Amino acid sequence: MLLYHAYSLHRIILRRIAVVIIGFIALPFMVFRHDRSKFYSYLHRVWCKTSSQPVWLAQSEAAGYEFH
């Protein structure tokens, strides 16, 4: 039984296109802000999301398999 479902390819592509557009639009405003790393970290999490599973959980599970 899967607790999380994978997003379709077109949904992943649309999310990534939106991240790129938002990142470019926000760039002139974020250059002078002190919290820009937090904003772009959020965009990176949105970029990496390919299922309803939280990104941090997917990354921790992937890292765990490398050490076995």
C-alpha atoms as a PDB file:
ATOM      1  CA  MET A   1       0.000   0.000   0.000  1.00  0.00           C
ATOM      2  CA  LEU A   2       1.463   3.327  -1.091  1.00  0.00           C
ATOM      3  CA  LEU A   3       0.973   6.303   1.176  1.00  0.00           C
ATOM      4  CA  TYR A   4       2.081   8.765  -1.485  1.00  0.00           C
ATOM      5  CA  HIS A   5       1.198   9.030  -5.161  1.00  0.00           C
ATOM      6  CA  ALA A   6       3.543  10.143  -7.916  1.00  0.00           C
ATOM      7  CA  TYR A   7       2.639  13.226  -9.930  1.00  0.00           C
ATOM      8  CA  SER A   8       2.157  12.902 -13.664  1.00  0.00           C
ATOM      9  CA  LEU A   9       4.907  14.068 -16.007  1.00  0.00           C
ATOM     10  CA  HIS A  10       2.932  17.069 -17.267  1.00  0.00           C
ATOM     11  CA  ARG A  11       2.307  18.244 -13.681  1.00  0.00           C
ATOM     12  CA  ILE A  12       6.028  18.005 -12.873  1.00  0.00           C
ATOM     13  CA  ILE A  13       6.925  19.930 -16.034  1.00  0.00           C
ATOM     14  CA  LEU A  14       4.349  22.645 -15.285  1.00  0.00           C
ATOM     15  CA  ARG A  15       5.680  23.001 -11.723  1.00  0.00           C
ATOM     16  CA  ARG A  16       9.240  23.362 -12.998  1.00  0.00           C
ATOM     17  CA  ILE A  17       8.244  25.919 -15.634  1.00  0.00           C
ATOM     18  CA  ALA A  18       6.442  27.910 -12.926  1.00  0.00           C
ATOM     19  CA  VAL A  19       9.530  27.769 -10.676  1.00  0.00           C
ATOM     20  CA  VAL A  20      11.758  29.129 -13.439  1.00  0.00           C
ATOM     21  CA  ILE A  21       9.324  31.932 -14.295  1.00  0.00           C
ATOM     22  CA  ILE A  22       8.814  32.915 -10.639  1.00  0.00           C
ATOM     23  CA  GLY A  23      12.563  32.763 -10.010  1.00  0.00           C
ATOM     24  CA  PHE A  24      13.326  35.107 -12.910  1.00  0.00           C
ATOM     25  CA  ILE A  25      10.512  37.519 -12.029  1.00  0.00           C
ATOM     26  CA  ALA A  26      11.599  37.643  -8.372  1.00  0.00           C
ATOM     27  CA  LEU A  27      15.322  38.013  -9.106  1.00  0.00           C
ATOM     28  CA  PRO A  28      15.438  41.845  -9.276  1.00  0.00           C
ATOM     29  CA  PHE A  29      13.503  42.098  -6.010  1.00  0.00           C
ATOM     30  CA  MET A  30      15.356  39.332  -4.169  1.00  0.00           C
ATOM     31  CA  VAL A  31      18.873  40.613  -4.944  1.00  0.00           C
ATOM     32  CA  PHE A  32      18.717  43.138  -2.102  1.00  0.00           C
ATOM     33  CA  ARG A  33      16.792  41.051   0.436  1.00  0.00           C
ATOM     34  CA  HIS A  34      18.552  39.301   3.286  1.00  0.00           C
ATOM     35  CA  ASP A  35      16.170  36.301   3.205  1.00  0.00           C
ATOM     36  CA  ARG A  36      16.628  35.440  -0.480  1.00  0.00           C
ATOM     37  CA  SER A  37      18.238  32.094   0.347  1.00  0.00           C
ATOM     38  CA  LYS A  38      15.044  31.018   2.133  1.00  0.00           C
ATOM     39  CA  PHE A  39      12.960  31.984  -0.911  1.00  0.00           C
ATOM     40  CA  TYR A  40      15.177  30.168  -3.393  1.00  0.00           C
ATOM     41  CA  SER A  41      15.372  27.164  -1.061  1.00  0.00           C
ATOM     42  CA  TYR A  42      11.581  27.012  -1.196  1.00  0.00           C
ATOM     43  CA  LEU A  43      11.693  27.188  -5.003  1.00  0.00           C
ATOM     44  CA  HIS A  44      14.207  24.333  -5.000  1.00  0.00           C
ATOM     45  CA  ARG A  45      11.842  22.186  -2.904  1.00  0.00           C
ATOM     46  CA  VAL A  46       9.019  22.933  -5.350  1.00  0.00           C
ATOM     47  CA  TRP A  47      11.347  22.008  -8.251  1.00  0.00           C
ATOM     48  CA  CYS A  48      12.291  18.663  -6.647  1.00  0.00           C
ATOM     49  CA  LYS A  49       8.743  17.626  -5.710  1.00  0.00           C
ATOM     50  CA  THR A  50       7.608  14.718  -7.874  1.00  0.00           C
ATOM     51  CA  SER A  51       4.971  13.161  -5.579  1.00  0.00           C
ATOM     52  CA  SER A  52       2.702  13.972  -2.680  1.00  0.00           C
ATOM     53  CA  GLN A  53       5.471  12.742  -0.379  1.00  0.00           C
ATOM     54  CA  PRO A  54       7.321  15.563   1.416  1.00  0.00           C
ATOM     55  CA  VAL A  55      10.622  16.434  -0.282  1.00  0.00           C
ATOM     56  CA  TRP A  56      12.638  16.056   2.934  1.00  0.00           C
ATOM     57  CA  LEU A  57      11.291  12.532   3.438  1.00  0.00           C
ATOM     58  CA  ALA A  58      12.047  11.484  -0.132  1.00  0.00           C
ATOM     59  CA  GLN A  59      15.585  12.858   0.123  1.00  0.00           C
ATOM     60  CA  SER A  60      16.221  11.177   3.477  1.00  0.00           C
ATOM     61  CA  GLU A  61      14.992   7.834   2.128  1.00  0.00           C
ATOM     62  CA  ALA A  62      17.200   8.191  -0.949  1.00  0.00           C
ATOM     63  CA  ALA A  63      20.230   9.005   1.213  1.00  0.00           C
ATOM     64  CA  GLY A  64      19.546   6.006   3.443  1.00  0.00           C
ATOM     65  CA  TYR A  65      19.832   3.567   0.542  1.00  0.00           C
ATOM     66  CA  GLU A  66      23.307   4.832  -0.338  1.00  0.00           C
ATOM     67  CA  PHE A  67      24.714   3.691   3.023  1.00  0.00           C
ATOM     68  CA  HIS A  68      23.372   0.130   3.011  1.00  0.00           C
END
